[in-house]
Amino acid sequence: MTALAFILGVLPLATSTGGGRAGARQAVGVTIIGCILAARLSGSSSYRCCLR
């Protein structure tokens, strides 16, 4: 639940548009979301393996 809230909080950063450094903000936002998703998915799969 915390990971989902964090991803939703970073979503405006990943979809930012406008002048200035919007491209850099998008890159940081997408990277953060990808890393959180990867950590969440790898944690879920390793937890399931330990339960067997």
PDB file of N, CA and C in Angstrom:
ATOM      1  N   MET A   1       0.824  -1.184   0.000  1.00  0.00           N
ATOM      2  CA  MET A   1       0.000   0.000   0.000  1.00  0.00           C
ATOM      3  C   MET A   1       0.876   1.257   0.000  1.00  0.00           C
ATOM      4  N   THR A   2       1.969   1.224   0.735  1.00  0.00           N
ATOM      5  CA  THR A   2       2.867   2.378   0.780  1.00  0.00           C
ATOM      6  C   THR A   2       3.523   2.604  -0.579  1.00  0.00           C
ATOM      7  N   ALA A   3       3.904   1.525  -1.240  1.00  0.00           N
ATOM      8  CA  ALA A   3       4.529   1.663  -2.564  1.00  0.00           C
ATOM      9  C   ALA A   3       3.546   2.269  -3.559  1.00  0.00           C
ATOM     10  N   LEU A   4       2.297   1.873  -3.475  1.00  0.00           N
ATOM     11  CA  LEU A   4       1.279   2.417  -4.367  1.00  0.00           C
ATOM     12  C   LEU A   4       1.087   3.909  -4.107  1.00  0.00           C
ATOM     13  N   ALA A   5       1.037   4.303  -2.858  1.00  0.00           N
ATOM     14  CA  ALA A   5       0.893   5.717  -2.518  1.00  0.00           C
ATOM     15  C   ALA A   5       2.101   6.519  -3.008  1.00  0.00           C
ATOM     16  N   PHE A   6       3.285   5.952  -2.884  1.00  0.00           N
ATOM     17  CA  PHE A   6       4.491   6.638  -3.353  1.00  0.00           C
ATOM     18  C   PHE A   6       4.473   6.809  -4.866  1.00  0.00           C
ATOM     19  N   ILE A   7       4.068   5.762  -5.575  1.00  0.00           N
ATOM     20  CA  ILE A   7       4.000   5.828  -7.036  1.00  0.00           C
ATOM     21  C   ILE A   7       2.990   6.876  -7.468  1.00  0.00           C
ATOM     22  N   LEU A   8       1.834   6.900  -6.818  1.00  0.00           N
ATOM     23  CA  LEU A   8       0.827   7.903  -7.162  1.00  0.00           C
ATOM     24  C   LEU A   8       1.315   9.316  -6.839  1.00  0.00           C
ATOM     25  N   GLY A   9       2.119   9.457  -5.822  1.00  0.00           N
ATOM     26  CA  GLY A   9       2.684  10.752  -5.487  1.00  0.00           C
ATOM     27  C   GLY A   9       3.731  11.229  -6.478  1.00  0.00           C
ATOM     28  N   VAL A  10       4.450  10.299  -7.079  1.00  0.00           N
ATOM     29  CA  VAL A  10       5.507  10.640  -8.032  1.00  0.00           C
ATOM     30  C   VAL A  10       4.950  10.761  -9.452  1.00  0.00           C
ATOM     31  N   LEU A  11       3.751  10.303  -9.676  1.00  0.00           N
ATOM     32  CA  LEU A  11       3.151  10.326 -11.010  1.00  0.00           C
ATOM     33  C   LEU A  11       3.134  11.722 -11.642  1.00  0.00           C
ATOM     34  N   PRO A  12       2.785  12.797 -10.916  1.00  0.00           N
ATOM     35  CA  PRO A  12       2.852  14.120 -11.546  1.00  0.00           C
ATOM     36  C   PRO A  12       4.271  14.497 -11.992  1.00  0.00           C
ATOM     37  N   LEU A  13       5.266  14.030 -11.282  1.00  0.00           N
ATOM     38  CA  LEU A  13       6.651  14.285 -11.678  1.00  0.00           C
ATOM     39  C   LEU A  13       6.963  13.588 -12.992  1.00  0.00           C
ATOM     40  N   ALA A  14       6.477  12.361 -13.146  1.00  0.00           N
ATOM     41  CA  ALA A  14       6.756  11.584 -14.353  1.00  0.00           C
ATOM     42  C   ALA A  14       5.987  12.104 -15.560  1.00  0.00           C
ATOM     43  N   THR A  15       4.881  12.785 -15.333  1.00  0.00           N
ATOM     44  CA  THR A  15       4.076  13.288 -16.445  1.00  0.00           C
ATOM     45  C   THR A  15       4.200  14.795 -16.604  1.00  0.00           C
ATOM     46  N   SER A  16       5.220  15.380 -16.023  1.00  0.00           N
ATOM     47  CA  SER A  16       5.376  16.834 -16.066  1.00  0.00           C
ATOM     48  C   SER A  16       5.645  17.314 -17.491  1.00  0.00           C
ATOM     49  N   THR A  17       5.080  18.454 -17.786  1.00  0.00           N
ATOM     50  CA  THR A  17       5.299  19.103 -19.073  1.00  0.00           C
ATOM     51  C   THR A  17       5.588  20.573 -18.802  1.00  0.00           C
ATOM     52  N   GLY A  18       6.002  21.254 -19.793  1.00  0.00           N
ATOM     53  CA  GLY A  18       6.242  22.679 -19.636  1.00  0.00           C
ATOM     54  C   GLY A  18       7.673  23.038 -19.975  1.00  0.00           C
ATOM     55  N   GLY A  19       7.962  24.301 -19.757  1.00  0.00           N
ATOM     56  CA  GLY A  19       9.289  24.802 -20.089  1.00  0.00           C
ATOM     57  C   GLY A  19      10.320  24.426 -19.038  1.00  0.00           C
ATOM     58  N   GLY A  20      11.503  24.838 -19.311  1.00  0.00           N
ATOM     59  CA  GLY A  20      12.575  24.578 -18.348  1.00  0.00           C
ATOM     60  C   GLY A  20      13.094  23.164 -18.419  1.00  0.00           C
ATOM     61  N   ARG A  21      13.179  22.531 -17.288  1.00  0.00           N
ATOM     62  CA  ARG A  21      13.793  21.216 -17.188  1.00  0.00           C
ATOM     63  C   ARG A  21      12.753  20.113 -17.028  1.00  0.00           C
ATOM     64  N   ALA A  22      11.632  20.217 -17.737  1.00  0.00           N
ATOM     65  CA  ALA A  22      10.568  19.212 -17.630  1.00  0.00           C
ATOM     66  C   ALA A  22      11.057  17.837 -18.085  1.00  0.00           C
ATOM     67  N   GLY A  23      11.925  17.803 -19.086  1.00  0.00           N
ATOM     68  CA  GLY A  23      12.454  16.519 -19.561  1.00  0.00           C
ATOM     69  C   GLY A  23      13.271  15.811 -18.497  1.00  0.00           C
ATOM     70  N   ALA A  24      14.041  16.564 -17.747  1.00  0.00           N
ATOM     71  CA  ALA A  24      14.831  15.976 -16.659  1.00  0.00           C
ATOM     72  C   ALA A  24      13.923  15.480 -15.544  1.00  0.00           C
ATOM     73  N   ARG A  25      12.869  16.235 -15.257  1.00  0.00           N
ATOM     74  CA  ARG A  25      11.917  15.805 -14.224  1.00  0.00           C
ATOM     75  C   ARG A  25      11.213  14.520 -14.640  1.00  0.00           C
ATOM     76  N   GLN A  26      10.839  14.430 -15.907  1.00  0.00           N
ATOM     77  CA  GLN A  26      10.193  13.209 -16.400  1.00  0.00           C
ATOM     78  C   GLN A  26      11.115  12.017 -16.263  1.00  0.00           C
ATOM     79  N   ALA A  27      12.364  12.185 -16.609  1.00  0.00           N
ATOM     80  CA  ALA A  27      13.319  11.076 -16.526  1.00  0.00           C
ATOM     81  C   ALA A  27      13.475  10.598 -15.089  1.00  0.00           C
ATOM     82  N   VAL A  28      13.554  11.531 -14.159  1.00  0.00           N
ATOM     83  CA  VAL A  28      13.673  11.156 -12.745  1.00  0.00           C
ATOM     84  C   VAL A  28      12.402  10.458 -12.277  1.00  0.00           C
ATOM     85  N   GLY A  29      11.241  10.978 -12.660  1.00  0.00           N
ATOM     86  CA  GLY A  29       9.971  10.370 -12.252  1.00  0.00           C
ATOM     87  C   GLY A  29       9.798   8.958 -12.777  1.00  0.00           C
ATOM     88  N   VAL A  30      10.110   8.753 -14.031  1.00  0.00           N
ATOM     89  CA  VAL A  30       9.980   7.418 -14.630  1.00  0.00           C
ATOM     90  C   VAL A  30      10.956   6.441 -13.981  1.00  0.00           C
ATOM     91  N   THR A  31      12.159   6.897 -13.705  1.00  0.00           N
ATOM     92  CA  THR A  31      13.156   6.041 -13.050  1.00  0.00           C
ATOM     93  C   THR A  31      12.705   5.639 -11.655  1.00  0.00           C
ATOM     94  N   ILE A  32      12.180   6.577 -10.901  1.00  0.00           N
ATOM     95  CA  ILE A  32      11.709   6.278  -9.543  1.00  0.00           C
ATOM     96  C   ILE A  32      10.564   5.272  -9.585  1.00  0.00           C
ATOM     97  N   ILE A  33       9.610   5.505 -10.476  1.00  0.00           N
ATOM     98  CA  ILE A  33       8.466   4.584 -10.571  1.00  0.00           C
ATOM     99  C   ILE A  33       8.936   3.191 -10.980  1.00  0.00           C
ATOM    100  N   GLY A  34       9.843   3.114 -11.955  1.00  0.00           N
ATOM    101  CA  GLY A  34      10.347   1.808 -12.388  1.00  0.00           C
ATOM    102  C   GLY A  34      11.074   1.062 -11.282  1.00  0.00           C
ATOM    103  N   CYS A  35      11.874   1.784 -10.513  1.00  0.00           N
ATOM    104  CA  CYS A  35      12.615   1.135  -9.424  1.00  0.00           C
ATOM    105  C   CYS A  35      11.689   0.662  -8.314  1.00  0.00           C
ATOM    106  N   ILE A  36      10.700   1.459  -7.976  1.00  0.00           N
ATOM    107  CA  ILE A  36       9.747   1.050  -6.938  1.00  0.00           C
ATOM    108  C   ILE A  36       8.947  -0.165  -7.394  1.00  0.00           C
ATOM    109  N   LEU A  37       8.509  -0.162  -8.641  1.00  0.00           N
ATOM    110  CA  LEU A  37       7.775  -1.322  -9.162  1.00  0.00           C
ATOM    111  C   LEU A  37       8.659  -2.575  -9.169  1.00  0.00           C
ATOM    112  N   ALA A  38       9.906  -2.430  -9.586  1.00  0.00           N
ATOM    113  CA  ALA A  38      10.810  -3.580  -9.612  1.00  0.00           C
ATOM    114  C   ALA A  38      11.055  -4.113  -8.204  1.00  0.00           C
ATOM    115  N   ALA A  39      11.248  -3.220  -7.256  1.00  0.00           N
ATOM    116  CA  ALA A  39      11.467  -3.652  -5.880  1.00  0.00           C
ATOM    117  C   ALA A  39      10.226  -4.330  -5.319  1.00  0.00           C
ATOM    118  N   ARG A  40       9.074  -3.790  -5.636  1.00  0.00           N
ATOM    119  CA  ARG A  40       7.819  -4.363  -5.146  1.00  0.00           C
ATOM    120  C   ARG A  40       7.583  -5.752  -5.726  1.00  0.00           C
ATOM    121  N   LEU A  41       7.807  -5.890  -7.026  1.00  0.00           N
ATOM    122  CA  LEU A  41       7.575  -7.182  -7.672  1.00  0.00           C
ATOM    123  C   LEU A  41       8.600  -8.225  -7.228  1.00  0.00           C
ATOM    124  N   SER A  42       9.850  -7.834  -7.098  1.00  0.00           N
ATOM    125  CA  SER A  42      10.865  -8.800  -6.664  1.00  0.00           C
ATOM    126  C   SER A  42      10.650  -9.185  -5.200  1.00  0.00           C
ATOM    127  N   GLY A  43      10.216  -8.257  -4.392  1.00  0.00           N
ATOM    128  CA  GLY A  43       9.925  -8.566  -2.992  1.00  0.00           C
ATOM    129  C   GLY A  43       8.744  -9.501  -2.849  1.00  0.00           C
ATOM    130  N   SER A  44       7.726  -9.302  -3.680  1.00  0.00           N
ATOM    131  CA  SER A  44       6.547 -10.168  -3.640  1.00  0.00           C
ATOM    132  C   SER A  44       6.881 -11.583  -4.067  1.00  0.00           C
ATOM    133  N   SER A  45       7.684 -11.710  -5.109  1.00  0.00           N
ATOM    134  CA  SER A  45       8.011 -13.051  -5.611  1.00  0.00           C
ATOM    135  C   SER A  45       8.932 -13.784  -4.636  1.00  0.00           C
ATOM    136  N   SER A  46       9.869 -13.081  -4.011  1.00  0.00           N
ATOM    137  CA  SER A  46      10.759 -13.755  -3.074  1.00  0.00           C
ATOM    138  C   SER A  46       9.990 -14.133  -1.803  1.00  0.00           C
ATOM    139  N   TYR A  47       9.019 -13.346  -1.414  1.00  0.00           N
ATOM    140  CA  TYR A  47       8.208 -13.669  -0.249  1.00  0.00           C
ATOM    141  C   TYR A  47       7.387 -14.919  -0.500  1.00  0.00           C
ATOM    142  N   ARG A  48       6.836 -15.045  -1.710  1.00  0.00           N
ATOM    143  CA  ARG A  48       6.045 -16.230  -2.047  1.00  0.00           C
ATOM    144  C   ARG A  48       6.917 -17.484  -2.096  1.00  0.00           C
ATOM    145  N   CYS A  49       8.151 -17.342  -2.554  1.00  0.00           N
ATOM    146  CA  CYS A  49       9.045 -18.495  -2.610  1.00  0.00           C
ATOM    147  C   CYS A  49       9.391 -19.005  -1.205  1.00  0.00           C
ATOM    148  N   CYS A  50       9.506 -18.087  -0.271  1.00  0.00           N
ATOM    149  CA  CYS A  50       9.857 -18.471   1.104  1.00  0.00           C
ATOM    150  C   CYS A  50       8.710 -19.160   1.821  1.00  0.00           C
ATOM    151  N   LEU A  51       7.492 -18.920   1.374  1.00  0.00           N
ATOM    152  CA  LEU A  51       6.335 -19.526   2.025  1.00  0.00           C
ATOM    153  C   LEU A  51       6.132 -20.981   1.637  1.00  0.00           C
ATOM    154  N   ARG A  52       6.716 -21.395   0.539  1.00  0.00           N
ATOM    155  CA  ARG A  52       6.508 -22.770   0.075  1.00  0.00           C
ATOM    156  C   ARG A  52       7.316 -23.749   0.856  1.00  0.00           C
TER     157      ARG A  52
END
